Amino acid sequence: MKKLLFAIIALMFIGCSDSKDDHTTLTESDFVGKWKLTFKEGYGDDAGYIIYEFNKDGTGLATEFDGGGIDNQSMINKWYYDSDRGVIICTVVDERDGHLYPMELLISEIQNKDKMKWIWVGEDNNRAYPVVRIAR
């Protein structure tokens, strides 16, 4: 009887474990493509989002949109995924001043490999923003 009870408890733990939130199952190739991060929710001028393009060669582009169109565009000089920390690490070239800036995007929730939530590391509010893949 004890063996049956332990087997049932073990199955409950296995059944309840949620691998969807396990960032270690992701690899760099899972991020190659275009992603839309919505940073403001609303309509018209209140709406805003960023399109991240991560290329296979480690380069990319970050384009910020607001109600009036493109607000800012930055080249991603280099990016990679740190699976130990669950963070996309980027070096971004700001178009306004040409300087390199570090940027880290923490994977805070994984619904599937095309729908997640990311947090800009170092941002004051540590808010998780919805992100969806829009192209591979």
N, C-alpha and C. Protein backbone atom coordinates (compact mmCIF):
# COMPACT_ATOMS: atom_id res chain seq x y z
N MET A 1 0.81 -1.19 0.00
CA MET A 1 0.00 0.00 0.00
C MET A 1 0.87 1.27 0.00
N LYS A 2 1.97 1.24 0.80
CA LYS A 2 2.85 2.40 0.85
C LYS A 2 3.48 2.67 -0.52
N LYS A 3 3.85 1.59 -1.23
CA LYS A 3 4.45 1.76 -2.55
C LYS A 3 3.46 2.42 -3.51
N LEU A 4 2.21 2.02 -3.43
CA LEU A 4 1.19 2.62 -4.29
C LEU A 4 1.01 4.10 -3.96
N LEU A 5 0.98 4.43 -2.68
CA LEU A 5 0.84 5.81 -2.25
C LEU A 5 2.02 6.65 -2.75
N PHE A 6 3.25 6.16 -2.61
CA PHE A 6 4.41 6.89 -3.09
C PHE A 6 4.38 7.05 -4.62
N ALA A 7 3.93 6.03 -5.31
CA ALA A 7 3.82 6.10 -6.77
C ALA A 7 2.81 7.17 -7.19
N ILE A 8 1.69 7.25 -6.48
CA ILE A 8 0.68 8.26 -6.80
C ILE A 8 1.22 9.65 -6.53
N ILE A 9 1.91 9.84 -5.40
CA ILE A 9 2.48 11.14 -5.07
C ILE A 9 3.53 11.53 -6.10
N ALA A 10 4.37 10.59 -6.51
CA ALA A 10 5.39 10.88 -7.52
C ALA A 10 4.75 11.29 -8.84
N LEU A 11 3.69 10.62 -9.24
CA LEU A 11 3.01 10.98 -10.48
C LEU A 11 2.36 12.36 -10.39
N MET A 12 1.87 12.71 -9.20
CA MET A 12 1.28 14.03 -9.02
C MET A 12 2.33 15.11 -9.21
N PHE A 13 3.53 14.91 -8.66
CA PHE A 13 4.59 15.91 -8.82
C PHE A 13 5.03 16.01 -10.27
N ILE A 14 5.14 14.88 -10.94
CA ILE A 14 5.53 14.89 -12.35
C ILE A 14 4.46 15.56 -13.18
N GLY A 15 3.21 15.25 -12.92
CA GLY A 15 2.10 15.84 -13.66
C GLY A 15 1.95 17.32 -13.41
N CYS A 16 2.33 17.80 -12.23
CA CYS A 16 2.17 19.21 -11.90
C CYS A 16 3.35 20.06 -12.32
N SER A 17 4.47 19.44 -12.61
CA SER A 17 5.62 20.26 -13.02
C SER A 17 5.32 20.90 -14.36
N ASP A 18 5.66 22.17 -14.50
CA ASP A 18 5.33 22.95 -15.67
C ASP A 18 6.60 23.31 -16.42
N SER A 19 6.87 22.60 -17.50
CA SER A 19 8.09 22.86 -18.27
C SER A 19 7.96 24.10 -19.13
N LYS A 20 6.74 24.66 -19.25
CA LYS A 20 6.55 25.85 -20.07
C LYS A 20 7.36 27.03 -19.55
N ASP A 21 7.58 27.10 -18.25
CA ASP A 21 8.31 28.21 -17.67
C ASP A 21 9.80 27.93 -17.53
N ASP A 22 10.27 26.83 -18.06
CA ASP A 22 11.67 26.45 -17.90
C ASP A 22 12.49 27.04 -19.05
N HIS A 23 13.18 28.14 -18.76
CA HIS A 23 13.96 28.83 -19.78
C HIS A 23 15.15 28.01 -20.27
N THR A 24 15.55 26.97 -19.53
CA THR A 24 16.70 26.18 -19.96
C THR A 24 16.38 25.29 -21.16
N THR A 25 15.10 25.12 -21.48
CA THR A 25 14.74 24.31 -22.64
C THR A 25 14.87 25.11 -23.94
N LEU A 26 15.09 26.42 -23.83
CA LEU A 26 15.22 27.27 -25.00
C LEU A 26 16.67 27.36 -25.44
N THR A 27 16.87 27.55 -26.73
CA THR A 27 18.21 27.75 -27.29
C THR A 27 18.20 29.03 -28.12
N GLU A 28 19.38 29.47 -28.55
CA GLU A 28 19.45 30.68 -29.37
C GLU A 28 18.60 30.56 -30.63
N SER A 29 18.57 29.39 -31.24
CA SER A 29 17.79 29.23 -32.47
C SER A 29 16.30 29.46 -32.24
N ASP A 30 15.82 29.30 -31.00
CA ASP A 30 14.42 29.55 -30.70
C ASP A 30 14.07 31.03 -30.77
N PHE A 31 15.06 31.92 -30.76
CA PHE A 31 14.80 33.35 -30.78
C PHE A 31 15.04 33.99 -32.14
N VAL A 32 15.63 33.25 -33.07
CA VAL A 32 15.87 33.80 -34.41
C VAL A 32 14.52 34.11 -35.06
N GLY A 33 14.38 35.32 -35.57
CA GLY A 33 13.15 35.75 -36.21
C GLY A 33 12.72 37.11 -35.70
N LYS A 34 11.46 37.47 -35.97
CA LYS A 34 10.92 38.76 -35.55
C LYS A 34 9.95 38.55 -34.39
N TRP A 35 10.07 39.44 -33.39
CA TRP A 35 9.25 39.40 -32.19
C TRP A 35 8.62 40.76 -31.96
N LYS A 36 7.37 40.77 -31.54
CA LYS A 36 6.68 42.02 -31.22
C LYS A 36 6.46 42.08 -29.72
N LEU A 37 7.08 43.07 -29.07
CA LEU A 37 6.92 43.32 -27.65
C LEU A 37 6.02 44.54 -27.49
N THR A 38 4.87 44.35 -26.84
CA THR A 38 3.94 45.44 -26.61
C THR A 38 4.27 46.07 -25.27
N PHE A 39 4.70 47.36 -25.30
CA PHE A 39 5.11 48.00 -24.05
C PHE A 39 4.07 48.95 -23.50
N LYS A 40 3.09 49.29 -24.31
CA LYS A 40 1.96 50.09 -23.83
C LYS A 40 0.70 49.44 -24.37
N GLU A 41 -0.29 49.39 -23.52
CA GLU A 41 -1.55 48.84 -23.98
C GLU A 41 -2.54 49.98 -24.15
N GLY A 42 -3.31 49.93 -25.19
CA GLY A 42 -4.28 50.98 -25.45
C GLY A 42 -4.49 51.13 -26.94
N TYR A 43 -5.01 52.25 -27.34
CA TYR A 43 -5.32 52.49 -28.74
C TYR A 43 -4.78 53.86 -29.14
N GLY A 44 -4.61 54.05 -30.42
CA GLY A 44 -4.16 55.34 -30.93
C GLY A 44 -2.79 55.71 -30.43
N ASP A 45 -2.65 56.93 -29.93
CA ASP A 45 -1.35 57.42 -29.48
C ASP A 45 -0.83 56.70 -28.24
N ASP A 46 -1.71 56.01 -27.52
CA ASP A 46 -1.28 55.30 -26.32
C ASP A 46 -0.62 53.96 -26.64
N ALA A 47 -0.84 53.46 -27.84
CA ALA A 47 -0.32 52.14 -28.20
C ALA A 47 1.15 52.26 -28.58
N GLY A 48 1.94 51.28 -28.19
CA GLY A 48 3.34 51.26 -28.56
C GLY A 48 3.89 49.86 -28.51
N TYR A 49 4.87 49.60 -29.34
CA TYR A 49 5.49 48.28 -29.36
C TYR A 49 6.88 48.38 -29.97
N ILE A 50 7.64 47.31 -29.78
CA ILE A 50 8.97 47.21 -30.37
C ILE A 50 9.03 45.91 -31.17
N ILE A 51 9.58 46.00 -32.36
CA ILE A 51 9.84 44.80 -33.16
C ILE A 51 11.33 44.49 -33.01
N TYR A 52 11.61 43.33 -32.42
CA TYR A 52 12.99 42.84 -32.32
C TYR A 52 13.23 41.84 -33.44
N GLU A 53 14.29 42.03 -34.17
CA GLU A 53 14.70 41.08 -35.21
C GLU A 53 16.03 40.48 -34.78
N PHE A 54 16.03 39.18 -34.52
CA PHE A 54 17.24 38.47 -34.13
C PHE A 54 17.67 37.58 -35.29
N ASN A 55 18.84 37.87 -35.87
CA ASN A 55 19.36 37.11 -37.00
C ASN A 55 20.24 35.95 -36.52
N LYS A 56 20.39 34.94 -37.37
CA LYS A 56 21.22 33.78 -37.04
C LYS A 56 22.67 34.15 -36.78
N ASP A 57 23.15 35.20 -37.45
CA ASP A 57 24.56 35.59 -37.32
C ASP A 57 24.84 36.42 -36.06
N GLY A 58 23.82 36.59 -35.20
CA GLY A 58 24.02 37.33 -33.95
C GLY A 58 23.78 38.82 -34.05
N THR A 59 23.37 39.31 -35.22
CA THR A 59 23.03 40.72 -35.37
C THR A 59 21.51 40.87 -35.32
N GLY A 60 21.05 42.10 -35.43
CA GLY A 60 19.61 42.29 -35.43
C GLY A 60 19.23 43.75 -35.49
N LEU A 61 17.97 44.01 -35.15
CA LEU A 61 17.41 45.35 -35.22
C LEU A 61 16.30 45.45 -34.19
N ALA A 62 16.21 46.60 -33.54
CA ALA A 62 15.12 46.90 -32.61
C ALA A 62 14.45 48.18 -33.10
N THR A 63 13.18 48.08 -33.49
CA THR A 63 12.45 49.23 -34.01
C THR A 63 11.27 49.52 -33.11
N GLU A 64 11.25 50.72 -32.53
CA GLU A 64 10.19 51.11 -31.61
C GLU A 64 9.13 51.92 -32.37
N PHE A 65 7.87 51.53 -32.19
CA PHE A 65 6.75 52.20 -32.83
C PHE A 65 5.85 52.82 -31.76
N ASP A 66 5.29 53.98 -32.10
CA ASP A 66 4.24 54.55 -31.25
C ASP A 66 3.07 54.89 -32.17
N GLY A 67 2.12 55.64 -31.68
CA GLY A 67 0.94 55.96 -32.48
C GLY A 67 1.24 56.67 -33.78
N GLY A 68 2.39 57.34 -33.86
CA GLY A 68 2.74 58.10 -35.05
C GLY A 68 3.68 57.39 -36.00
N GLY A 69 4.02 56.15 -35.75
CA GLY A 69 4.95 55.40 -36.62
C GLY A 69 6.23 55.07 -35.90
N ILE A 70 7.34 54.99 -36.65
CA ILE A 70 8.63 54.64 -36.06
C ILE A 70 9.10 55.77 -35.15
N ASP A 71 9.38 55.42 -33.90
CA ASP A 71 9.86 56.39 -32.92
C ASP A 71 11.38 56.33 -32.79
N ASN A 72 11.94 55.13 -32.87
CA ASN A 72 13.38 54.94 -32.70
C ASN A 72 13.76 53.61 -33.34
N GLN A 73 14.97 53.57 -33.88
CA GLN A 73 15.47 52.33 -34.46
C GLN A 73 16.92 52.15 -34.03
N SER A 74 17.25 50.97 -33.55
CA SER A 74 18.60 50.70 -33.08
C SER A 74 19.10 49.39 -33.67
N MET A 75 20.34 49.41 -34.14
CA MET A 75 20.97 48.19 -34.62
C MET A 75 21.39 47.34 -33.43
N ILE A 76 21.17 46.04 -33.53
CA ILE A 76 21.68 45.12 -32.52
C ILE A 76 23.00 44.60 -33.07
N ASN A 77 24.08 45.06 -32.47
CA ASN A 77 25.43 44.74 -32.92
C ASN A 77 25.73 43.26 -32.68
N LYS A 78 25.28 42.75 -31.53
CA LYS A 78 25.50 41.35 -31.18
C LYS A 78 24.43 40.95 -30.16
N TRP A 79 23.93 39.72 -30.29
CA TRP A 79 23.00 39.19 -29.30
C TRP A 79 23.28 37.71 -29.11
N TYR A 80 22.94 37.21 -27.93
CA TYR A 80 22.99 35.77 -27.66
C TYR A 80 22.05 35.46 -26.50
N TYR A 81 21.73 34.20 -26.35
CA TYR A 81 20.83 33.77 -25.28
C TYR A 81 21.63 33.04 -24.21
N ASP A 82 21.54 33.53 -22.99
CA ASP A 82 22.18 32.90 -21.83
C ASP A 82 21.13 32.02 -21.16
N SER A 83 21.14 30.72 -21.47
CA SER A 83 20.11 29.81 -20.96
C SER A 83 20.23 29.58 -19.46
N ASP A 84 21.43 29.75 -18.89
CA ASP A 84 21.58 29.59 -17.44
C ASP A 84 20.79 30.66 -16.68
N ARG A 85 20.78 31.87 -17.22
CA ARG A 85 20.07 32.98 -16.57
C ARG A 85 18.70 33.25 -17.17
N GLY A 86 18.42 32.68 -18.35
CA GLY A 86 17.15 32.95 -19.03
C GLY A 86 17.07 34.37 -19.55
N VAL A 87 18.20 34.84 -20.13
CA VAL A 87 18.29 36.24 -20.54
C VAL A 87 18.84 36.32 -21.97
N ILE A 88 18.19 37.17 -22.79
CA ILE A 88 18.74 37.53 -24.09
C ILE A 88 19.63 38.74 -23.84
N ILE A 89 20.89 38.64 -24.19
CA ILE A 89 21.85 39.71 -23.95
C ILE A 89 22.20 40.34 -25.30
N CYS A 90 22.05 41.66 -25.37
CA CYS A 90 22.28 42.38 -26.63
C CYS A 90 23.23 43.55 -26.41
N THR A 91 23.96 43.88 -27.46
CA THR A 91 24.69 45.12 -27.54
C THR A 91 24.00 45.93 -28.63
N VAL A 92 23.44 47.07 -28.25
CA VAL A 92 22.62 47.87 -29.15
C VAL A 92 23.36 49.15 -29.52
N VAL A 93 23.32 49.51 -30.80
CA VAL A 93 23.88 50.77 -31.27
C VAL A 93 22.72 51.76 -31.41
N ASP A 94 22.70 52.81 -30.60
CA ASP A 94 21.63 53.81 -30.65
C ASP A 94 21.85 54.70 -31.87
N GLU A 95 20.80 54.86 -32.68
CA GLU A 95 20.93 55.66 -33.91
C GLU A 95 21.16 57.13 -33.63
N ARG A 96 20.72 57.59 -32.46
CA ARG A 96 20.83 59.02 -32.16
C ARG A 96 22.25 59.46 -31.85
N ASP A 97 22.98 58.61 -31.09
CA ASP A 97 24.33 59.04 -30.70
C ASP A 97 25.43 58.07 -31.15
N GLY A 98 25.06 56.93 -31.72
CA GLY A 98 26.04 55.99 -32.23
C GLY A 98 26.77 55.17 -31.17
N HIS A 99 26.42 55.34 -29.91
CA HIS A 99 27.07 54.59 -28.83
C HIS A 99 26.49 53.19 -28.68
N LEU A 100 27.33 52.29 -28.16
CA LEU A 100 26.90 50.93 -27.85
C LEU A 100 26.31 50.90 -26.44
N TYR A 101 25.18 50.25 -26.31
CA TYR A 101 24.53 50.11 -25.00
C TYR A 101 24.19 48.65 -24.76
N PRO A 102 24.46 48.17 -23.55
CA PRO A 102 24.04 46.79 -23.22
C PRO A 102 22.54 46.77 -22.94
N MET A 103 21.91 45.67 -23.28
CA MET A 103 20.49 45.48 -22.99
C MET A 103 20.28 44.01 -22.66
N GLU A 104 19.52 43.74 -21.62
CA GLU A 104 19.19 42.37 -21.26
C GLU A 104 17.68 42.23 -21.18
N LEU A 105 17.18 41.15 -21.77
CA LEU A 105 15.76 40.84 -21.76
C LEU A 105 15.59 39.51 -21.02
N LEU A 106 15.00 39.57 -19.85
CA LEU A 106 14.77 38.39 -19.02
C LEU A 106 13.50 37.69 -19.48
N ILE A 107 13.59 36.39 -19.72
CA ILE A 107 12.41 35.61 -20.10
C ILE A 107 11.66 35.30 -18.80
N SER A 108 10.53 35.96 -18.58
CA SER A 108 9.82 35.79 -17.31
C SER A 108 8.69 34.78 -17.38
N GLU A 109 8.17 34.53 -18.58
CA GLU A 109 7.09 33.55 -18.73
C GLU A 109 7.15 32.99 -20.14
N ILE A 110 6.96 31.69 -20.25
CA ILE A 110 6.95 31.03 -21.55
C ILE A 110 5.61 30.31 -21.70
N GLN A 111 4.76 30.82 -22.58
CA GLN A 111 3.52 30.10 -22.86
C GLN A 111 3.78 29.02 -23.89
N ASN A 112 4.58 29.36 -24.89
CA ASN A 112 5.12 28.41 -25.86
C ASN A 112 6.29 29.11 -26.52
N LYS A 113 6.92 28.48 -27.50
CA LYS A 113 8.12 29.07 -28.09
C LYS A 113 7.83 30.28 -28.98
N ASP A 114 6.55 30.62 -29.17
CA ASP A 114 6.18 31.77 -29.97
C ASP A 114 5.46 32.85 -29.16
N LYS A 115 5.24 32.60 -27.88
CA LYS A 115 4.51 33.55 -27.04
C LYS A 115 5.09 33.52 -25.64
N MET A 116 5.63 34.68 -25.20
CA MET A 116 6.33 34.76 -23.93
C MET A 116 6.06 36.10 -23.27
N LYS A 117 6.69 36.31 -22.13
CA LYS A 117 6.75 37.62 -21.50
C LYS A 117 8.21 37.88 -21.16
N TRP A 118 8.65 39.12 -21.47
CA TRP A 118 10.03 39.52 -21.22
C TRP A 118 10.05 40.73 -20.30
N ILE A 119 11.13 40.85 -19.55
CA ILE A 119 11.35 42.00 -18.67
C ILE A 119 12.66 42.65 -19.11
N TRP A 120 12.64 43.99 -19.27
CA TRP A 120 13.89 44.70 -19.51
C TRP A 120 14.64 44.75 -18.20
N VAL A 121 15.78 44.09 -18.12
CA VAL A 121 16.57 44.06 -16.90
C VAL A 121 17.08 45.47 -16.63
N GLY A 122 16.92 45.92 -15.39
CA GLY A 122 17.37 47.25 -15.02
C GLY A 122 16.28 48.31 -15.10
N GLU A 123 15.13 47.96 -15.70
CA GLU A 123 14.03 48.91 -15.74
C GLU A 123 13.44 49.04 -14.35
N ASP A 124 13.02 50.22 -14.00
CA ASP A 124 12.55 50.49 -12.65
C ASP A 124 11.37 49.63 -12.20
N ASN A 125 10.41 49.41 -13.08
CA ASN A 125 9.19 48.73 -12.63
C ASN A 125 9.23 47.20 -12.77
N ASN A 126 10.25 46.65 -13.43
CA ASN A 126 10.37 45.20 -13.62
C ASN A 126 9.09 44.57 -14.16
N ARG A 127 8.39 45.29 -15.01
CA ARG A 127 7.15 44.80 -15.59
C ARG A 127 7.45 43.77 -16.69
N ALA A 128 6.65 42.72 -16.72
CA ALA A 128 6.76 41.72 -17.78
C ALA A 128 5.88 42.14 -18.95
N TYR A 129 6.46 42.24 -20.13
CA TYR A 129 5.75 42.69 -21.32
C TYR A 129 5.43 41.49 -22.22
N PRO A 130 4.22 41.46 -22.79
CA PRO A 130 3.87 40.37 -23.70
C PRO A 130 4.67 40.46 -25.00
N VAL A 131 5.14 39.30 -25.44
CA VAL A 131 5.95 39.21 -26.66
C VAL A 131 5.45 38.03 -27.49
N VAL A 132 5.26 38.27 -28.79
CA VAL A 132 4.85 37.20 -29.69
C VAL A 132 5.76 37.19 -30.90
N ARG A 133 6.03 35.99 -31.40
CA ARG A 133 6.81 35.85 -32.65
C ARG A 133 5.89 36.20 -33.81
N ILE A 134 6.38 37.08 -34.70
CA ILE A 134 5.57 37.45 -35.87
C ILE A 134 6.16 36.90 -37.17
N ALA A 135 7.39 36.42 -37.13
CA ALA A 135 8.02 35.81 -38.32
C ALA A 135 9.23 34.99 -37.88
N ARG A 136 9.51 33.97 -38.64
CA ARG A 136 10.70 33.13 -38.36
C ARG A 136 11.82 33.51 -39.29
